[in-house]
């Protein structure tokens, strides 16, 4: 089966599984709130009833997140592309995976991934539990059948014990997907200067306040897509990055012409620290991004009507960047519990 056909078949399988058995969800419990230091100004988090938080599940998920034996060559883990000290990105345009093979997309940050209604840049996966399967089936990522990974872990008495403690069952694919998802739900970033401003413990400088006003203005229209507490509307857009794209974007999932070269609008939280940017890592600075949107981008047939260009002088550009820097949560990247 060709790679594209295999990917589409995989996504269809996931979506059918989701539609056949809708997992019941409930709000996070008080024990989880204690670990996550849950921010009151953030939305509540829902978790599947079969994967509620416990310390044992979180601990196992963290260990698996850093486990390199999940990859064919034993060199790659989830953390290889999602390094906590780099805000759970890797600082590369596209990532190296199994056998040093190069991936095709920029690795997004996992900060606040719990709030994403769908995952991957084309939105083809509806839950964190299902997303864990993706790197296994991608040859350029883990490149290892998850059942082979299970066999490797079963040879380790420590993992067998942790699986029993966490899920009252032996190590299997269910345990791997649930435990890693359990850990990823704890990656909440909500302590930036902007968050402190929202709760009244930080005053924006004049420059930062000017930048926020520009960000929210009709002239720039940034907040039309990057809005809400997460600075994303979770929609799919083409932003005129190219006239012709090597990556088909959401079209890869839907096969709808209107979805060609559209990608999920990313959150801007920690954006000043998560370069390079765009689905292919083609921009290396915030200034480049601003210049792109100011130009109006290239005239792709699916380009969003919101992206139509604007004029911005140098002091205004500096003010806008100053505001974007207030979205950085340094305590998140330095939090010892994630390392």
C-alpha atoms as a PDB file:
ATOM      1  CA  UNK A   1       0.000   0.000   0.000  1.00  0.00           C
ATOM      2  CA  UNK A   2       1.337   3.433  -0.901  1.00  0.00           C
ATOM      3  CA  UNK A   3       2.173   5.803   2.034  1.00  0.00           C
ATOM      4  CA  UNK A   4      -0.728   8.151   1.269  1.00  0.00           C
ATOM      5  CA  UNK A   5      -3.226   5.301   0.984  1.00  0.00           C
ATOM      6  CA  UNK A   6      -1.876   3.721   4.176  1.00  0.00           C
ATOM      7  CA  UNK A   7      -2.241   7.015   6.037  1.00  0.00           C
ATOM      8  CA  UNK A   8      -5.829   7.537   4.839  1.00  0.00           C
ATOM      9  CA  UNK A   9      -6.737   3.961   5.789  1.00  0.00           C
ATOM     10  CA  UNK A  10      -5.214   4.507   9.231  1.00  0.00           C
ATOM     11  CA  UNK A  11      -7.175   7.736   9.785  1.00  0.00           C
ATOM     12  CA  UNK A  12     -10.416   6.096   8.632  1.00  0.00           C
ATOM     13  CA  UNK A  13      -9.808   3.285  11.126  1.00  0.00           C
ATOM     14  CA  UNK A  14      -9.334   5.802  13.936  1.00  0.00           C
ATOM     15  CA  UNK A  15     -12.413   7.791  12.994  1.00  0.00           C
ATOM     16  CA  UNK A  16     -14.559   4.667  12.720  1.00  0.00           C
ATOM     17  CA  UNK A  17     -13.356   3.576  16.142  1.00  0.00           C
ATOM     18  CA  UNK A  18     -14.290   6.954  17.541  1.00  0.00           C
ATOM     19  CA  UNK A  19     -17.741   6.897  15.944  1.00  0.00           C
ATOM     20  CA  UNK A  20     -18.499   3.291  16.946  1.00  0.00           C
ATOM     21  CA  UNK A  21     -17.674   3.811  20.612  1.00  0.00           C
ATOM     22  CA  UNK A  22     -17.851   7.363  21.861  1.00  0.00           C
ATOM     23  CA  UNK A  23     -15.820   7.465  25.061  1.00  0.00           C
ATOM     24  CA  UNK A  24     -17.621   8.997  27.994  1.00  0.00           C
ATOM     25  CA  UNK A  25     -15.778  11.909  29.538  1.00  0.00           C
ATOM     26  CA  UNK A  26     -15.796  13.621  32.878  1.00  0.00           C
ATOM     27  CA  UNK A  27     -14.099  16.634  34.394  1.00  0.00           C
ATOM     28  CA  UNK A  28     -10.648  16.210  35.884  1.00  0.00           C
ATOM     29  CA  UNK A  29     -10.680  15.159  39.539  1.00  0.00           C
ATOM     30  CA  UNK A  30      -9.282  17.050  42.517  1.00  0.00           C
ATOM     31  CA  UNK A  31      -6.128  14.930  42.686  1.00  0.00           C
ATOM     32  CA  UNK A  32      -5.258  15.846  39.121  1.00  0.00           C
ATOM     33  CA  UNK A  33      -5.900  19.508  39.839  1.00  0.00           C
ATOM     34  CA  UNK A  34      -3.350  19.338  42.652  1.00  0.00           C
ATOM     35  CA  UNK A  35      -0.676  17.958  40.339  1.00  0.00           C
ATOM     36  CA  UNK A  36      -1.461  20.235  37.426  1.00  0.00           C
ATOM     37  CA  UNK A  37      -1.837  23.399  39.544  1.00  0.00           C
ATOM     38  CA  UNK A  38      -4.968  24.045  37.520  1.00  0.00           C
ATOM     39  CA  UNK A  39      -5.403  27.693  36.441  1.00  0.00           C
ATOM     40  CA  UNK A  40      -8.779  29.127  37.344  1.00  0.00           C
ATOM     41  CA  UNK A  41      -8.908  31.274  34.203  1.00  0.00           C
ATOM     42  CA  UNK A  42      -8.566  28.185  31.948  1.00  0.00           C
ATOM     43  CA  UNK A  43     -11.421  25.955  30.790  1.00  0.00           C
ATOM     44  CA  UNK A  44     -12.073  22.696  32.610  1.00  0.00           C
ATOM     45  CA  UNK A  45     -10.466  19.574  31.219  1.00  0.00           C
ATOM     46  CA  UNK A  46     -12.419  16.452  30.340  1.00  0.00           C
ATOM     47  CA  UNK A  47     -10.893  12.985  30.348  1.00  0.00           C
ATOM     48  CA  UNK A  48     -12.218   9.632  29.110  1.00  0.00           C
ATOM     49  CA  UNK A  49     -13.801   7.588  31.886  1.00  0.00           C
ATOM     50  CA  UNK A  50     -11.443   4.697  31.109  1.00  0.00           C
ATOM     51  CA  UNK A  51      -8.379   6.889  31.592  1.00  0.00           C
ATOM     52  CA  UNK A  52      -9.042   9.047  34.613  1.00  0.00           C
ATOM     53  CA  UNK A  53      -6.033  10.524  36.347  1.00  0.00           C
ATOM     54  CA  UNK A  54      -4.068   8.627  38.966  1.00  0.00           C
ATOM     55  CA  UNK A  55      -0.508   9.206  40.101  1.00  0.00           C
ATOM     56  CA  UNK A  56       0.400   5.693  38.926  1.00  0.00           C
ATOM     57  CA  UNK A  57      -0.923   6.277  35.411  1.00  0.00           C
ATOM     58  CA  UNK A  58       0.799   9.640  35.129  1.00  0.00           C
ATOM     59  CA  UNK A  59       4.095   8.179  36.333  1.00  0.00           C
ATOM     60  CA  UNK A  60       3.932   5.328  33.824  1.00  0.00           C
ATOM     61  CA  UNK A  61       2.982   7.735  31.037  1.00  0.00           C
ATOM     62  CA  UNK A  62       5.937   9.965  31.822  1.00  0.00           C
ATOM     63  CA  UNK A  63       8.320   7.006  31.750  1.00  0.00           C
ATOM     64  CA  UNK A  64       6.906   5.862  28.401  1.00  0.00           C
ATOM     65  CA  UNK A  65       7.139   9.409  27.012  1.00  0.00           C
ATOM     66  CA  UNK A  66      10.935   9.168  27.365  1.00  0.00           C
ATOM     67  CA  UNK A  67      11.190   5.491  26.363  1.00  0.00           C
ATOM     68  CA  UNK A  68      13.386   5.013  23.270  1.00  0.00           C
ATOM     69  CA  UNK A  69      12.580   1.315  22.883  1.00  0.00           C
ATOM     70  CA  UNK A  70       9.237   2.391  21.412  1.00  0.00           C
ATOM     71  CA  UNK A  71      11.105   3.116  18.166  1.00  0.00           C
ATOM     72  CA  UNK A  72      12.490   0.538  15.764  1.00  0.00           C
ATOM     73  CA  UNK A  73      16.127   1.541  16.203  1.00  0.00           C
ATOM     74  CA  UNK A  74      15.810   2.200  19.926  1.00  0.00           C
ATOM     75  CA  UNK A  75      16.982   5.797  19.541  1.00  0.00           C
ATOM     76  CA  UNK A  76      13.765   7.849  19.395  1.00  0.00           C
ATOM     77  CA  UNK A  77      11.132   8.644  22.008  1.00  0.00           C
ATOM     78  CA  UNK A  78       8.208  11.061  22.195  1.00  0.00           C
ATOM     79  CA  UNK A  79      10.571  13.499  23.922  1.00  0.00           C
ATOM     80  CA  UNK A  80      12.974  13.428  20.962  1.00  0.00           C
ATOM     81  CA  UNK A  81      10.579  15.717  19.089  1.00  0.00           C
ATOM     82  CA  UNK A  82       8.885  17.205  22.162  1.00  0.00           C
ATOM     83  CA  UNK A  83      11.607  18.354  24.551  1.00  0.00           C
ATOM     84  CA  UNK A  84      10.261  19.993  27.740  1.00  0.00           C
ATOM     85  CA  UNK A  85      13.154  22.459  27.836  1.00  0.00           C
ATOM     86  CA  UNK A  86      12.127  23.612  24.341  1.00  0.00           C
ATOM     87  CA  UNK A  87       8.475  23.972  25.322  1.00  0.00           C
ATOM     88  CA  UNK A  88       7.826  20.440  24.052  1.00  0.00           C
ATOM     89  CA  UNK A  89       9.089  21.144  20.546  1.00  0.00           C
ATOM     90  CA  UNK A  90      12.552  20.267  19.139  1.00  0.00           C
ATOM     91  CA  UNK A  91      13.692  23.537  17.547  1.00  0.00           C
ATOM     92  CA  UNK A  92      14.007  21.938  14.103  1.00  0.00           C
ATOM     93  CA  UNK A  93      12.203  22.735  10.874  1.00  0.00           C
ATOM     94  CA  UNK A  94      11.270  19.058  10.591  1.00  0.00           C
ATOM     95  CA  UNK A  95      12.245  16.305  12.982  1.00  0.00           C
ATOM     96  CA  UNK A  96      14.542  13.310  12.760  1.00  0.00           C
ATOM     97  CA  UNK A  97      12.921   9.989  13.568  1.00  0.00           C
ATOM     98  CA  UNK A  98      13.735   6.298  13.346  1.00  0.00           C
ATOM     99  CA  UNK A  99      17.094   5.627  11.654  1.00  0.00           C
ATOM    100  CA  UNK A 100      17.613   9.395  11.380  1.00  0.00           C
ATOM    101  CA  UNK A 101      14.919   9.642   8.719  1.00  0.00           C
ATOM    102  CA  UNK A 102      13.564  13.149   8.239  1.00  0.00           C
ATOM    103  CA  UNK A 103       9.918  13.874   8.927  1.00  0.00           C
ATOM    104  CA  UNK A 104       7.715  15.971   6.687  1.00  0.00           C
ATOM    105  CA  UNK A 105       6.298  18.492   9.173  1.00  0.00           C
ATOM    106  CA  UNK A 106       7.381  20.784  11.957  1.00  0.00           C
ATOM    107  CA  UNK A 107       6.769  19.243  15.391  1.00  0.00           C
ATOM    108  CA  UNK A 108       4.177  21.370  17.232  1.00  0.00           C
ATOM    109  CA  UNK A 109       4.391  22.115  20.927  1.00  0.00           C
ATOM    110  CA  UNK A 110       2.438  19.814  23.222  1.00  0.00           C
ATOM    111  CA  UNK A 111       1.629  22.683  25.594  1.00  0.00           C
ATOM    112  CA  UNK A 112      -2.102  22.644  26.355  1.00  0.00           C
ATOM    113  CA  UNK A 113      -2.652  19.771  23.920  1.00  0.00           C
ATOM    114  CA  UNK A 114      -5.379  18.544  26.254  1.00  0.00           C
ATOM    115  CA  UNK A 115      -7.631  21.339  24.960  1.00  0.00           C
ATOM    116  CA  UNK A 116      -7.255  20.449  21.284  1.00  0.00           C
ATOM    117  CA  UNK A 117     -10.544  19.080  19.865  1.00  0.00           C
ATOM    118  CA  UNK A 118      -8.580  17.184  17.199  1.00  0.00           C
ATOM    119  CA  UNK A 119      -4.912  16.471  16.654  1.00  0.00           C
ATOM    120  CA  UNK A 120      -2.291  16.615  13.882  1.00  0.00           C
ATOM    121  CA  UNK A 121      -2.079  19.542  11.511  1.00  0.00           C
ATOM    122  CA  UNK A 122      -4.972  18.227   9.418  1.00  0.00           C
ATOM    123  CA  UNK A 123      -7.093  17.369  12.460  1.00  0.00           C
ATOM    124  CA  UNK A 124      -7.407  13.695  11.606  1.00  0.00           C
ATOM    125  CA  UNK A 125      -7.201  12.231  15.120  1.00  0.00           C
ATOM    126  CA  UNK A 126      -9.913  12.939  17.725  1.00  0.00           C
ATOM    127  CA  UNK A 127      -8.171  12.001  20.993  1.00  0.00           C
ATOM    128  CA  UNK A 128      -4.794  11.865  22.682  1.00  0.00           C
ATOM    129  CA  UNK A 129      -5.176   8.118  23.189  1.00  0.00           C
ATOM    130  CA  UNK A 130      -5.529   7.627  19.438  1.00  0.00           C
ATOM    131  CA  UNK A 131      -2.775  10.099  18.619  1.00  0.00           C
ATOM    132  CA  UNK A 132      -0.243   7.933  20.464  1.00  0.00           C
ATOM    133  CA  UNK A 133      -0.673   5.346  17.690  1.00  0.00           C
ATOM    134  CA  UNK A 134       0.435   7.751  14.938  1.00  0.00           C
ATOM    135  CA  UNK A 135       4.238   7.739  15.466  1.00  0.00           C
ATOM    136  CA  UNK A 136       4.214   3.940  15.541  1.00  0.00           C
ATOM    137  CA  UNK A 137       2.682   3.642  12.066  1.00  0.00           C
ATOM    138  CA  UNK A 138       4.844   6.424  10.586  1.00  0.00           C
ATOM    139  CA  UNK A 139       8.037   4.914   9.166  1.00  0.00           C
ATOM    140  CA  UNK A 140       9.897   8.218   9.631  1.00  0.00           C
ATOM    141  CA  UNK A 141       8.922   8.455  13.313  1.00  0.00           C
ATOM    142  CA  UNK A 142       8.916   5.293  15.451  1.00  0.00           C
ATOM    143  CA  UNK A 143       8.584   2.893  12.525  1.00  0.00           C
ATOM    144  CA  UNK A 144       7.636   0.045  14.865  1.00  0.00           C
ATOM    145  CA  UNK A 145       4.413  -1.928  15.215  1.00  0.00           C
ATOM    146  CA  UNK A 146       3.020  -1.136  18.638  1.00  0.00           C
ATOM    147  CA  UNK A 147       2.642  -4.870  19.329  1.00  0.00           C
ATOM    148  CA  UNK A 148       6.396  -5.240  18.880  1.00  0.00           C
ATOM    149  CA  UNK A 149       6.881  -2.404  21.339  1.00  0.00           C
ATOM    150  CA  UNK A 150       4.628  -4.258  23.796  1.00  0.00           C
ATOM    151  CA  UNK A 151       6.804  -7.362  23.510  1.00  0.00           C
ATOM    152  CA  UNK A 152       9.903  -5.285  24.280  1.00  0.00           C
ATOM    153  CA  UNK A 153       8.339  -3.736  27.367  1.00  0.00           C
ATOM    154  CA  UNK A 154       6.978  -7.057  28.626  1.00  0.00           C
ATOM    155  CA  UNK A 155      10.548  -8.245  29.073  1.00  0.00           C
ATOM    156  CA  UNK A 156      11.058  -5.521  31.685  1.00  0.00           C
ATOM    157  CA  UNK A 157       9.672  -6.473  35.141  1.00  0.00           C
ATOM    158  CA  UNK A 158       9.476  -2.802  36.126  1.00  0.00           C
ATOM    159  CA  UNK A 159       7.091  -2.008  33.265  1.00  0.00           C
ATOM    160  CA  UNK A 160       4.964  -5.053  34.073  1.00  0.00           C
ATOM    161  CA  UNK A 161       4.649  -3.866  37.644  1.00  0.00           C
ATOM    162  CA  UNK A 162       3.822  -0.294  36.642  1.00  0.00           C
ATOM    163  CA  UNK A 163       1.140  -1.483  34.202  1.00  0.00           C
ATOM    164  CA  UNK A 164      -0.521  -3.569  36.909  1.00  0.00           C
ATOM    165  CA  UNK A 165      -0.437  -0.670  39.358  1.00  0.00           C
ATOM    166  CA  UNK A 166      -1.771   1.848  36.850  1.00  0.00           C
ATOM    167  CA  UNK A 167      -4.401  -0.113  34.916  1.00  0.00           C
ATOM    168  CA  UNK A 168      -4.698  -3.465  36.708  1.00  0.00           C
ATOM    169  CA  UNK A 169      -3.639  -5.332  33.568  1.00  0.00           C
ATOM    170  CA  UNK A 170      -0.468  -6.530  31.897  1.00  0.00           C
ATOM    171  CA  UNK A 171       1.527  -4.302  29.565  1.00  0.00           C
ATOM    172  CA  UNK A 172      -0.306  -4.004  26.234  1.00  0.00           C
ATOM    173  CA  UNK A 173      -1.227  -1.435  23.571  1.00  0.00           C
ATOM    174  CA  UNK A 174      -4.123  -0.169  25.705  1.00  0.00           C
ATOM    175  CA  UNK A 175      -1.738   0.629  28.551  1.00  0.00           C
ATOM    176  CA  UNK A 176       0.796   2.375  26.288  1.00  0.00           C
ATOM    177  CA  UNK A 177      -1.744   4.637  24.603  1.00  0.00           C
ATOM    178  CA  UNK A 178      -3.655   5.462  27.794  1.00  0.00           C
ATOM    179  CA  UNK A 179      -0.627   6.127  29.961  1.00  0.00           C
ATOM    180  CA  UNK A 180       1.127   8.444  27.497  1.00  0.00           C
ATOM    181  CA  UNK A 181      -2.138  10.334  26.938  1.00  0.00           C
ATOM    182  CA  UNK A 182      -2.573  10.615  30.709  1.00  0.00           C
ATOM    183  CA  UNK A 183       0.833  12.258  31.006  1.00  0.00           C
ATOM    184  CA  UNK A 184       0.257  14.576  28.047  1.00  0.00           C
ATOM    185  CA  UNK A 185      -2.935  15.917  29.622  1.00  0.00           C
ATOM    186  CA  UNK A 186      -0.810  17.383  32.386  1.00  0.00           C
ATOM    187  CA  UNK A 187       1.198  19.600  30.003  1.00  0.00           C
ATOM    188  CA  UNK A 188      -0.724  22.749  30.870  1.00  0.00           C
ATOM    189  CA  UNK A 189       1.022  26.063  30.264  1.00  0.00           C
ATOM    190  CA  UNK A 190      -0.804  28.933  31.944  1.00  0.00           C
ATOM    191  CA  UNK A 191       1.700  31.072  33.825  1.00  0.00           C
ATOM    192  CA  UNK A 192       2.920  33.607  31.284  1.00  0.00           C
ATOM    193  CA  UNK A 193       3.101  37.352  31.885  1.00  0.00           C
ATOM    194  CA  UNK A 194      -0.161  37.562  29.922  1.00  0.00           C
ATOM    195  CA  UNK A 195      -1.798  35.114  32.332  1.00  0.00           C
ATOM    196  CA  UNK A 196      -0.531  37.182  35.258  1.00  0.00           C
ATOM    197  CA  UNK A 197      -2.020  40.242  33.550  1.00  0.00           C
ATOM    198  CA  UNK A 198      -5.380  38.491  33.261  1.00  0.00           C
ATOM    199  CA  UNK A 199      -5.505  37.669  36.961  1.00  0.00           C
ATOM    200  CA  UNK A 200      -4.320  41.132  37.962  1.00  0.00           C
ATOM    201  CA  UNK A 201      -0.778  40.418  39.156  1.00  0.00           C
ATOM    202  CA  UNK A 202       1.127  41.912  36.220  1.00  0.00           C
ATOM    203  CA  UNK A 203       0.877  45.257  34.474  1.00  0.00           C
ATOM    204  CA  UNK A 204       1.639  45.341  30.772  1.00  0.00           C
ATOM    205  CA  UNK A 205       4.249  47.896  29.763  1.00  0.00           C
ATOM    206  CA  UNK A 206       3.171  50.639  27.379  1.00  0.00           C
ATOM    207  CA  UNK A 207       4.877  48.785  24.542  1.00  0.00           C
ATOM    208  CA  UNK A 208       3.221  45.473  25.403  1.00  0.00           C
ATOM    209  CA  UNK A 209      -0.182  47.152  25.725  1.00  0.00           C
ATOM    210  CA  UNK A 210       0.280  48.808  22.335  1.00  0.00           C
ATOM    211  CA  UNK A 211       1.166  45.426  20.876  1.00  0.00           C
ATOM    212  CA  UNK A 212      -1.939  43.826  22.362  1.00  0.00           C
ATOM    213  CA  UNK A 213      -4.108  46.585  20.893  1.00  0.00           C
ATOM    214  CA  UNK A 214      -2.525  46.010  17.480  1.00  0.00           C
ATOM    215  CA  UNK A 215      -3.001  42.242  17.818  1.00  0.00           C
ATOM    216  CA  UNK A 216      -6.702  42.726  18.539  1.00  0.00           C
ATOM    217  CA  UNK A 217      -7.232  45.453  15.934  1.00  0.00           C
ATOM    218  CA  UNK A 218      -9.282  45.083  12.747  1.00  0.00           C
ATOM    219  CA  UNK A 219      -6.289  46.388  10.803  1.00  0.00           C
ATOM    220  CA  UNK A 220      -4.101  43.371  11.606  1.00  0.00           C
ATOM    221  CA  UNK A 221      -6.919  40.864  12.274  1.00  0.00           C
ATOM    222  CA  UNK A 222      -4.563  38.522  14.190  1.00  0.00           C
ATOM    223  CA  UNK A 223      -7.224  37.729  16.764  1.00  0.00           C
ATOM    224  CA  UNK A 224      -9.753  36.623  14.166  1.00  0.00           C
ATOM    225  CA  UNK A 225      -7.944  33.261  14.085  1.00  0.00           C
ATOM    226  CA  UNK A 226      -5.774  33.433  17.204  1.00  0.00           C
ATOM    227  CA  UNK A 227      -8.346  34.133  19.878  1.00  0.00           C
ATOM    228  CA  UNK A 228      -9.554  32.889  23.234  1.00  0.00           C
ATOM    229  CA  UNK A 229      -7.412  31.814  26.154  1.00  0.00           C
ATOM    230  CA  UNK A 230      -5.415  29.458  23.893  1.00  0.00           C
ATOM    231  CA  UNK A 231      -4.960  31.972  21.047  1.00  0.00           C
ATOM    232  CA  UNK A 232      -6.456  29.659  18.422  1.00  0.00           C
ATOM    233  CA  UNK A 233      -9.946  29.105  17.039  1.00  0.00           C
ATOM    234  CA  UNK A 234      -9.003  25.493  16.096  1.00  0.00           C
ATOM    235  CA  UNK A 235     -10.026  26.115  12.487  1.00  0.00           C
ATOM    236  CA  UNK A 236      -8.181  25.138   9.303  1.00  0.00           C
ATOM    237  CA  UNK A 237      -6.794  27.866   7.089  1.00  0.00           C
ATOM    238  CA  UNK A 238      -4.503  28.504   4.160  1.00  0.00           C
ATOM    239  CA  UNK A 239      -2.372  31.565   4.889  1.00  0.00           C
ATOM    240  CA  UNK A 240      -0.813  32.098   1.475  1.00  0.00           C
ATOM    241  CA  UNK A 241       2.554  30.657   2.409  1.00  0.00           C
ATOM    242  CA  UNK A 242       3.068  29.239  -1.100  1.00  0.00           C
ATOM    243  CA  UNK A 243       1.419  29.174  -4.493  1.00  0.00           C
ATOM    244  CA  UNK A 244       2.019  25.418  -4.698  1.00  0.00           C
ATOM    245  CA  UNK A 245       2.434  23.195  -1.634  1.00  0.00           C
ATOM    246  CA  UNK A 246       4.354  19.957  -1.290  1.00  0.00           C
ATOM    247  CA  UNK A 247       2.133  19.111   1.687  1.00  0.00           C
ATOM    248  CA  UNK A 248      -1.598  18.783   0.865  1.00  0.00           C
ATOM    249  CA  UNK A 249      -2.613  19.651   4.434  1.00  0.00           C
ATOM    250  CA  UNK A 250      -6.175  18.759   5.446  1.00  0.00           C
ATOM    251  CA  UNK A 251      -6.857  17.500   1.913  1.00  0.00           C
ATOM    252  CA  UNK A 252      -4.731  14.509   2.935  1.00  0.00           C
ATOM    253  CA  UNK A 253      -7.569  13.514   5.252  1.00  0.00           C
ATOM    254  CA  UNK A 254     -10.754  14.721   3.545  1.00  0.00           C
ATOM    255  CA  UNK A 255      -9.899  14.695  -0.175  1.00  0.00           C
ATOM    256  CA  UNK A 256     -12.006  17.876  -0.452  1.00  0.00           C
ATOM    257  CA  UNK A 257     -10.555  20.461  -2.890  1.00  0.00           C
ATOM    258  CA  UNK A 258     -11.471  23.283  -0.484  1.00  0.00           C
ATOM    259  CA  UNK A 259      -9.183  21.692   2.116  1.00  0.00           C
ATOM    260  CA  UNK A 260      -6.110  21.577  -0.119  1.00  0.00           C
ATOM    261  CA  UNK A 261      -3.127  23.185   1.652  1.00  0.00           C
ATOM    262  CA  UNK A 262      -5.142  24.166   4.726  1.00  0.00           C
ATOM    263  CA  UNK A 263      -3.714  23.520   8.181  1.00  0.00           C
ATOM    264  CA  UNK A 264      -4.939  23.791  11.749  1.00  0.00           C
ATOM    265  CA  UNK A 265      -4.485  27.268  13.217  1.00  0.00           C
ATOM    266  CA  UNK A 266      -1.836  26.822  15.939  1.00  0.00           C
ATOM    267  CA  UNK A 267      -1.920  28.243  19.430  1.00  0.00           C
ATOM    268  CA  UNK A 268       0.360  31.247  19.930  1.00  0.00           C
ATOM    269  CA  UNK A 269       1.172  30.397  23.523  1.00  0.00           C
ATOM    270  CA  UNK A 270       4.959  30.305  23.991  1.00  0.00           C
ATOM    271  CA  UNK A 271       5.281  31.340  20.342  1.00  0.00           C
ATOM    272  CA  UNK A 272       8.395  33.452  20.973  1.00  0.00           C
ATOM    273  CA  UNK A 273      10.244  30.301  22.100  1.00  0.00           C
ATOM    274  CA  UNK A 274       8.991  27.696  19.638  1.00  0.00           C
ATOM    275  CA  UNK A 275      10.663  28.631  16.351  1.00  0.00           C
ATOM    276  CA  UNK A 276      10.843  27.617  13.568  1.00  0.00           C
ATOM    277  CA  UNK A 277       7.283  28.250  12.464  1.00  0.00           C
ATOM    278  CA  UNK A 278       4.670  27.121   9.927  1.00  0.00           C
ATOM    279  CA  UNK A 279       3.821  23.510   9.071  1.00  0.00           C
ATOM    280  CA  UNK A 280       7.223  23.062   7.419  1.00  0.00           C
ATOM    281  CA  UNK A 281       9.352  25.192   9.734  1.00  0.00           C
ATOM    282  CA  UNK A 282      10.084  27.668   6.931  1.00  0.00           C
ATOM    283  CA  UNK A 283      10.136  30.827   9.110  1.00  0.00           C
ATOM    284  CA  UNK A 284      12.680  31.278  11.875  1.00  0.00           C
ATOM    285  CA  UNK A 285      11.541  34.507  13.560  1.00  0.00           C
ATOM    286  CA  UNK A 286       8.427  36.368  14.619  1.00  0.00           C
ATOM    287  CA  UNK A 287       9.510  39.271  12.423  1.00  0.00           C
ATOM    288  CA  UNK A 288       9.370  37.000   9.363  1.00  0.00           C
ATOM    289  CA  UNK A 289       5.864  35.892  10.257  1.00  0.00           C
ATOM    290  CA  UNK A 290       4.670  39.477  10.661  1.00  0.00           C
ATOM    291  CA  UNK A 291       6.248  40.448   7.327  1.00  0.00           C
ATOM    292  CA  UNK A 292       4.493  37.533   5.646  1.00  0.00           C
ATOM    293  CA  UNK A 293       1.056  38.536   6.893  1.00  0.00           C
ATOM    294  CA  UNK A 294       1.730  42.193   6.159  1.00  0.00           C
ATOM    295  CA  UNK A 295       2.465  41.235   2.538  1.00  0.00           C
ATOM    296  CA  UNK A 296      -0.823  39.393   2.202  1.00  0.00           C
ATOM    297  CA  UNK A 297       0.903  36.163   1.185  1.00  0.00           C
ATOM    298  CA  UNK A 298       0.728  34.349  -2.127  1.00  0.00           C
ATOM    299  CA  UNK A 299      -2.542  33.947  -4.012  1.00  0.00           C
ATOM    300  CA  UNK A 300      -3.390  30.328  -3.387  1.00  0.00           C
ATOM    301  CA  UNK A 301      -6.981  29.421  -4.398  1.00  0.00           C
ATOM    302  CA  UNK A 302      -7.819  28.460  -0.803  1.00  0.00           C
ATOM    303  CA  UNK A 303      -6.106  31.376   0.897  1.00  0.00           C
ATOM    304  CA  UNK A 304      -8.179  32.771   3.741  1.00  0.00           C
ATOM    305  CA  UNK A 305      -9.858  36.081   3.005  1.00  0.00           C
ATOM    306  CA  UNK A 306      -8.571  37.284   6.368  1.00  0.00           C
ATOM    307  CA  UNK A 307      -5.008  37.258   5.000  1.00  0.00           C
ATOM    308  CA  UNK A 308      -5.086  40.377   2.831  1.00  0.00           C
ATOM    309  CA  UNK A 309      -2.092  42.393   4.034  1.00  0.00           C
ATOM    310  CA  UNK A 310      -1.612  45.472   6.206  1.00  0.00           C
ATOM    311  CA  UNK A 311       0.847  48.291   6.833  1.00  0.00           C
ATOM    312  CA  UNK A 312       2.961  48.303   9.978  1.00  0.00           C
ATOM    313  CA  UNK A 313       5.855  50.583  10.857  1.00  0.00           C
ATOM    314  CA  UNK A 314       8.936  49.389  12.731  1.00  0.00           C
ATOM    315  CA  UNK A 315       7.909  50.646  16.212  1.00  0.00           C
ATOM    316  CA  UNK A 316       4.526  48.967  15.776  1.00  0.00           C
ATOM    317  CA  UNK A 317       6.173  45.715  14.725  1.00  0.00           C
ATOM    318  CA  UNK A 318       8.389  45.852  17.817  1.00  0.00           C
ATOM    319  CA  UNK A 319       5.343  46.496  19.998  1.00  0.00           C
ATOM    320  CA  UNK A 320       3.518  43.525  18.493  1.00  0.00           C
ATOM    321  CA  UNK A 321       6.491  41.251  19.141  1.00  0.00           C
ATOM    322  CA  UNK A 322       6.693  42.551  22.705  1.00  0.00           C
ATOM    323  CA  UNK A 323       3.110  41.499  23.271  1.00  0.00           C
ATOM    324  CA  UNK A 324       3.692  38.067  21.729  1.00  0.00           C
ATOM    325  CA  UNK A 325       6.576  37.575  24.147  1.00  0.00           C
ATOM    326  CA  UNK A 326       4.176  38.036  27.067  1.00  0.00           C
ATOM    327  CA  UNK A 327       2.645  34.697  26.040  1.00  0.00           C
ATOM    328  CA  UNK A 328       5.805  32.860  27.119  1.00  0.00           C
ATOM    329  CA  UNK A 329       5.464  30.704  30.227  1.00  0.00           C
ATOM    330  CA  UNK A 330       9.054  30.137  31.395  1.00  0.00           C
ATOM    331  CA  UNK A 331       7.921  28.104  34.398  1.00  0.00           C
ATOM    332  CA  UNK A 332       6.453  25.551  31.997  1.00  0.00           C
ATOM    333  CA  UNK A 333       9.732  24.787  30.212  1.00  0.00           C
ATOM    334  CA  UNK A 334      11.648  24.621  33.500  1.00  0.00           C
ATOM    335  CA  UNK A 335       9.106  22.578  35.480  1.00  0.00           C
ATOM    336  CA  UNK A 336      11.049  19.672  37.046  1.00  0.00           C
ATOM    337  CA  UNK A 337       8.056  17.354  37.169  1.00  0.00           C
ATOM    338  CA  UNK A 338       8.084  17.031  33.388  1.00  0.00           C
ATOM    339  CA  UNK A 339      11.758  16.078  33.140  1.00  0.00           C
END
